[in-house]
Amino acid sequence: MNVFFPRPLEVEVWNTLSRLHNVVSRQLQQHLERFNLTSPQYHVLRHLGEQGMLKSGNLATLLDVTPGNLTGILDRLEAAGLIQRERDLQDRRGWQLSLTPEGQKLYRKAVPSTRTQVKEMFAELAPEEIATLHNLASRLLSSLRELEVSA
């Protein structure tokens, strides 16, 4: 016998956000393939391009990944000649990260192109709707992060 549990609107929103994340991730991954980048690699490139040199721990926090997960991403980017690592003299467990000249070149191509792609993905929404979506999602994210810290 099947049992039906009514789904609260919050569950529907969660399902929609999950599906939206999957579609956006697939479309962006297809776009990033022309630059031979994965989404995590793109975000490393973007942060280093925008901020110059970053400590590996700070980058892991910005990307919301563990330092262990970041290591594999950095290994692949370093092997491709896109980033360089130098030991952090204040924290010998960490690294100072920066883009190589080749990484800077790719940053100048990939970031504007990807931002255009993202804008096209949101073309269905009016600017006010995008702002509202951003505000609501940011507020929920902040609230959920506070719950993680207190747990």
C-alpha atoms as a PDB file:
ATOM      1  CA  MET A   1       0.000   0.000   0.000  1.00  0.00           C
ATOM      2  CA  ASN A   2       1.319   3.431  -0.946  1.00  0.00           C
ATOM      3  CA  VAL A   3       1.345   6.095   1.698  1.00  0.00           C
ATOM      4  CA  PHE A   4       1.168   9.721   0.630  1.00  0.00           C
ATOM      5  CA  PHE A   5       2.823  12.381   2.716  1.00  0.00           C
ATOM      6  CA  PRO A   6       1.802  15.895   1.781  1.00  0.00           C
ATOM      7  CA  ARG A   7       4.828  17.903   0.685  1.00  0.00           C
ATOM      8  CA  PRO A   8       5.247  21.291   2.266  1.00  0.00           C
ATOM      9  CA  LEU A   9       6.133  24.156  -0.054  1.00  0.00           C
ATOM     10  CA  GLU A  10       9.633  24.186   1.461  1.00  0.00           C
ATOM     11  CA  VAL A  11      10.174  20.657   0.134  1.00  0.00           C
ATOM     12  CA  GLU A  12       9.008  21.760  -3.313  1.00  0.00           C
ATOM     13  CA  VAL A  13      11.448  24.686  -3.200  1.00  0.00           C
ATOM     14  CA  TRP A  14      14.256  22.337  -2.178  1.00  0.00           C
ATOM     15  CA  ASN A  15      13.396  19.978  -5.078  1.00  0.00           C
ATOM     16  CA  THR A  16      13.288  22.895  -7.520  1.00  0.00           C
ATOM     17  CA  LEU A  17      16.596  24.303  -6.268  1.00  0.00           C
ATOM     18  CA  SER A  18      18.180  20.870  -6.564  1.00  0.00           C
ATOM     19  CA  ARG A  19      16.972  20.442 -10.152  1.00  0.00           C
ATOM     20  CA  LEU A  20      18.006  24.004 -10.996  1.00  0.00           C
ATOM     21  CA  HIS A  21      21.487  23.373  -9.594  1.00  0.00           C
ATOM     22  CA  ASN A  22      21.813  20.243 -11.740  1.00  0.00           C
ATOM     23  CA  VAL A  23      20.745  22.000 -14.957  1.00  0.00           C
ATOM     24  CA  VAL A  24      22.912  25.072 -14.339  1.00  0.00           C
ATOM     25  CA  SER A  25      25.902  22.885 -13.445  1.00  0.00           C
ATOM     26  CA  ARG A  26      25.506  20.795 -16.623  1.00  0.00           C
ATOM     27  CA  GLN A  27      25.189  23.840 -18.865  1.00  0.00           C
ATOM     28  CA  LEU A  28      28.130  25.624 -17.273  1.00  0.00           C
ATOM     29  CA  GLN A  29      30.278  22.491 -17.436  1.00  0.00           C
ATOM     30  CA  GLN A  30      29.570  22.260 -21.167  1.00  0.00           C
ATOM     31  CA  HIS A  31      30.612  25.896 -21.517  1.00  0.00           C
ATOM     32  CA  LEU A  32      33.780  25.422 -19.427  1.00  0.00           C
ATOM     33  CA  GLU A  33      34.868  22.410 -21.485  1.00  0.00           C
ATOM     34  CA  ARG A  34      35.978  24.805 -24.251  1.00  0.00           C
ATOM     35  CA  PHE A  35      38.557  26.110 -21.771  1.00  0.00           C
ATOM     36  CA  ASN A  36      39.460  22.608 -20.496  1.00  0.00           C
ATOM     37  CA  LEU A  37      38.228  23.565 -17.023  1.00  0.00           C
ATOM     38  CA  THR A  38      35.908  21.987 -14.513  1.00  0.00           C
ATOM     39  CA  SER A  39      33.649  24.212 -12.439  1.00  0.00           C
ATOM     40  CA  PRO A  40      35.870  23.991  -9.332  1.00  0.00           C
ATOM     41  CA  GLN A  41      38.948  24.781 -11.442  1.00  0.00           C
ATOM     42  CA  TYR A  42      37.160  27.784 -12.941  1.00  0.00           C
ATOM     43  CA  HIS A  43      36.358  29.134  -9.478  1.00  0.00           C
ATOM     44  CA  VAL A  44      39.989  28.776  -8.380  1.00  0.00           C
ATOM     45  CA  LEU A  45      41.101  30.600 -11.524  1.00  0.00           C
ATOM     46  CA  ARG A  46      38.498  33.327 -10.964  1.00  0.00           C
ATOM     47  CA  HIS A  47      39.414  33.944  -7.326  1.00  0.00           C
ATOM     48  CA  LEU A  48      43.142  34.015  -8.031  1.00  0.00           C
ATOM     49  CA  GLY A  49      42.610  36.271 -11.033  1.00  0.00           C
ATOM     50  CA  GLU A  50      40.521  38.700  -9.005  1.00  0.00           C
ATOM     51  CA  GLN A  51      42.577  38.675  -5.818  1.00  0.00           C
ATOM     52  CA  GLY A  52      46.108  37.929  -6.961  1.00  0.00           C
ATOM     53  CA  MET A  53      47.846  35.755  -4.394  1.00  0.00           C
ATOM     54  CA  LEU A  54      45.759  33.781  -1.902  1.00  0.00           C
ATOM     55  CA  LYS A  55      46.556  31.390   0.920  1.00  0.00           C
ATOM     56  CA  SER A  56      45.268  27.890   0.238  1.00  0.00           C
ATOM     57  CA  GLY A  57      43.194  27.871   3.447  1.00  0.00           C
ATOM     58  CA  ASN A  58      41.506  31.154   2.505  1.00  0.00           C
ATOM     59  CA  LEU A  59      40.754  29.831  -0.958  1.00  0.00           C
ATOM     60  CA  ALA A  60      39.227  26.643   0.491  1.00  0.00           C
ATOM     61  CA  THR A  61      36.941  28.827   2.619  1.00  0.00           C
ATOM     62  CA  LEU A  62      35.928  30.975  -0.367  1.00  0.00           C
ATOM     63  CA  LEU A  63      35.117  27.852  -2.378  1.00  0.00           C
ATOM     64  CA  ASP A  64      33.370  26.141   0.541  1.00  0.00           C
ATOM     65  CA  VAL A  65      35.507  23.004   0.162  1.00  0.00           C
ATOM     66  CA  THR A  66      37.849  21.168   2.496  1.00  0.00           C
ATOM     67  CA  PRO A  67      41.598  21.724   2.127  1.00  0.00           C
ATOM     68  CA  GLY A  68      41.847  18.058   1.088  1.00  0.00           C
ATOM     69  CA  ASN A  69      39.378  18.566  -1.771  1.00  0.00           C
ATOM     70  CA  LEU A  70      41.195  21.700  -2.838  1.00  0.00           C
ATOM     71  CA  THR A  71      44.517  19.838  -3.098  1.00  0.00           C
ATOM     72  CA  GLY A  72      43.325  17.717  -6.026  1.00  0.00           C
ATOM     73  CA  ILE A  73      41.977  20.760  -7.865  1.00  0.00           C
ATOM     74  CA  LEU A  74      45.250  22.617  -7.316  1.00  0.00           C
ATOM     75  CA  ASP A  75      47.312  19.608  -8.429  1.00  0.00           C
ATOM     76  CA  ARG A  76      45.511  19.526 -11.782  1.00  0.00           C
ATOM     77  CA  LEU A  77      45.771  23.294 -12.303  1.00  0.00           C
ATOM     78  CA  GLU A  78      49.473  23.243 -11.426  1.00  0.00           C
ATOM     79  CA  ALA A  79      50.094  20.313 -13.789  1.00  0.00           C
ATOM     80  CA  ALA A  80      48.388  22.316 -16.552  1.00  0.00           C
ATOM     81  CA  GLY A  81      50.726  25.233 -15.854  1.00  0.00           C
ATOM     82  CA  LEU A  82      47.927  27.568 -14.755  1.00  0.00           C
ATOM     83  CA  ILE A  83      48.837  28.177 -11.101  1.00  0.00           C
ATOM     84  CA  GLN A  84      51.944  28.185  -8.975  1.00  0.00           C
ATOM     85  CA  ARG A  85      52.284  27.258  -5.325  1.00  0.00           C
ATOM     86  CA  GLU A  86      54.804  28.593  -2.887  1.00  0.00           C
ATOM     87  CA  ARG A  87      55.096  27.510   0.737  1.00  0.00           C
ATOM     88  CA  ASP A  88      53.391  29.910   3.121  1.00  0.00           C
ATOM     89  CA  LEU A  89      56.189  31.111   5.369  1.00  0.00           C
ATOM     90  CA  GLN A  90      53.758  31.960   8.202  1.00  0.00           C
ATOM     91  CA  ASP A  91      51.934  28.599   8.024  1.00  0.00           C
ATOM     92  CA  ARG A  92      54.147  25.834   6.680  1.00  0.00           C
ATOM     93  CA  ARG A  93      51.153  23.541   6.223  1.00  0.00           C
ATOM     94  CA  GLY A  94      49.664  25.964   3.686  1.00  0.00           C
ATOM     95  CA  TRP A  95      50.515  27.421   0.320  1.00  0.00           C
ATOM     96  CA  GLN A  96      50.503  30.842  -1.284  1.00  0.00           C
ATOM     97  CA  LEU A  97      48.741  30.470  -4.624  1.00  0.00           C
ATOM     98  CA  SER A  98      48.858  32.636  -7.733  1.00  0.00           C
ATOM     99  CA  LEU A  99      48.211  32.402 -11.452  1.00  0.00           C
ATOM    100  CA  THR A 100      51.043  31.797 -13.869  1.00  0.00           C
ATOM    101  CA  PRO A 101      51.180  33.965 -17.023  1.00  0.00           C
ATOM    102  CA  GLU A 102      49.334  31.142 -18.809  1.00  0.00           C
ATOM    103  CA  GLY A 103      46.726  31.098 -16.034  1.00  0.00           C
ATOM    104  CA  GLN A 104      46.279  34.871 -16.315  1.00  0.00           C
ATOM    105  CA  LYS A 105      45.763  34.513 -20.059  1.00  0.00           C
ATOM    106  CA  LEU A 106      43.100  31.854 -19.533  1.00  0.00           C
ATOM    107  CA  TYR A 107      41.486  33.949 -16.769  1.00  0.00           C
ATOM    108  CA  ARG A 108      41.111  36.875 -19.198  1.00  0.00           C
ATOM    109  CA  LYS A 109      39.305  34.594 -21.682  1.00  0.00           C
ATOM    110  CA  ALA A 110      37.284  32.244 -19.470  1.00  0.00           C
ATOM    111  CA  VAL A 111      35.851  34.656 -16.899  1.00  0.00           C
ATOM    112  CA  PRO A 112      34.189  37.187 -19.261  1.00  0.00           C
ATOM    113  CA  SER A 113      32.888  34.369 -21.466  1.00  0.00           C
ATOM    114  CA  THR A 114      31.453  32.461 -18.503  1.00  0.00           C
ATOM    115  CA  ARG A 115      29.846  35.593 -17.058  1.00  0.00           C
ATOM    116  CA  THR A 116      28.143  36.169 -20.410  1.00  0.00           C
ATOM    117  CA  GLN A 117      26.931  32.566 -20.370  1.00  0.00           C
ATOM    118  CA  VAL A 118      25.504  32.986 -16.852  1.00  0.00           C
ATOM    119  CA  LYS A 119      23.753  36.222 -17.835  1.00  0.00           C
ATOM    120  CA  GLU A 120      22.140  34.385 -20.771  1.00  0.00           C
ATOM    121  CA  MET A 121      20.943  31.648 -18.426  1.00  0.00           C
ATOM    122  CA  PHE A 122      19.126  34.272 -16.340  1.00  0.00           C
ATOM    123  CA  ALA A 123      17.699  36.135 -19.348  1.00  0.00           C
ATOM    124  CA  GLU A 124      14.178  34.864 -18.551  1.00  0.00           C
ATOM    125  CA  LEU A 125      14.153  36.917 -15.344  1.00  0.00           C
ATOM    126  CA  ALA A 126      13.802  40.677 -15.015  1.00  0.00           C
ATOM    127  CA  PRO A 127      16.608  42.514 -13.189  1.00  0.00           C
ATOM    128  CA  GLU A 128      14.338  43.018 -10.159  1.00  0.00           C
ATOM    129  CA  GLU A 129      13.563  39.292 -10.045  1.00  0.00           C
ATOM    130  CA  ILE A 130      17.267  38.452 -10.213  1.00  0.00           C
ATOM    131  CA  ALA A 131      17.919  40.850  -7.332  1.00  0.00           C
ATOM    132  CA  THR A 132      15.088  39.308  -5.298  1.00  0.00           C
ATOM    133  CA  LEU A 133      16.324  35.786  -6.017  1.00  0.00           C
ATOM    134  CA  HIS A 134      19.848  36.777  -5.002  1.00  0.00           C
ATOM    135  CA  ASN A 135      18.671  38.399  -1.768  1.00  0.00           C
ATOM    136  CA  LEU A 136      16.492  35.441  -0.774  1.00  0.00           C
ATOM    137  CA  ALA A 137      19.126  32.834  -1.635  1.00  0.00           C
ATOM    138  CA  SER A 138      21.841  34.811   0.188  1.00  0.00           C
ATOM    139  CA  ARG A 139      19.672  35.179   3.278  1.00  0.00           C
ATOM    140  CA  LEU A 140      18.864  31.468   3.345  1.00  0.00           C
ATOM    141  CA  LEU A 141      22.514  30.546   2.783  1.00  0.00           C
ATOM    142  CA  SER A 142      23.616  32.790   5.633  1.00  0.00           C
ATOM    143  CA  SER A 143      20.994  31.331   7.950  1.00  0.00           C
ATOM    144  CA  LEU A 144      21.947  27.753   7.092  1.00  0.00           C
ATOM    145  CA  ARG A 145      25.649  28.475   7.584  1.00  0.00           C
ATOM    146  CA  GLU A 146      24.891  29.870  11.048  1.00  0.00           C
ATOM    147  CA  LEU A 147      23.096  26.612  11.878  1.00  0.00           C
ATOM    148  CA  GLU A 148      26.176  24.632  10.764  1.00  0.00           C
ATOM    149  CA  VAL A 149      28.433  26.673  13.027  1.00  0.00           C
ATOM    150  CA  SER A 150      26.163  26.274  16.043  1.00  0.00           C
ATOM    151  CA  ALA A 151      25.703  22.521  15.518  1.00  0.00           C
END
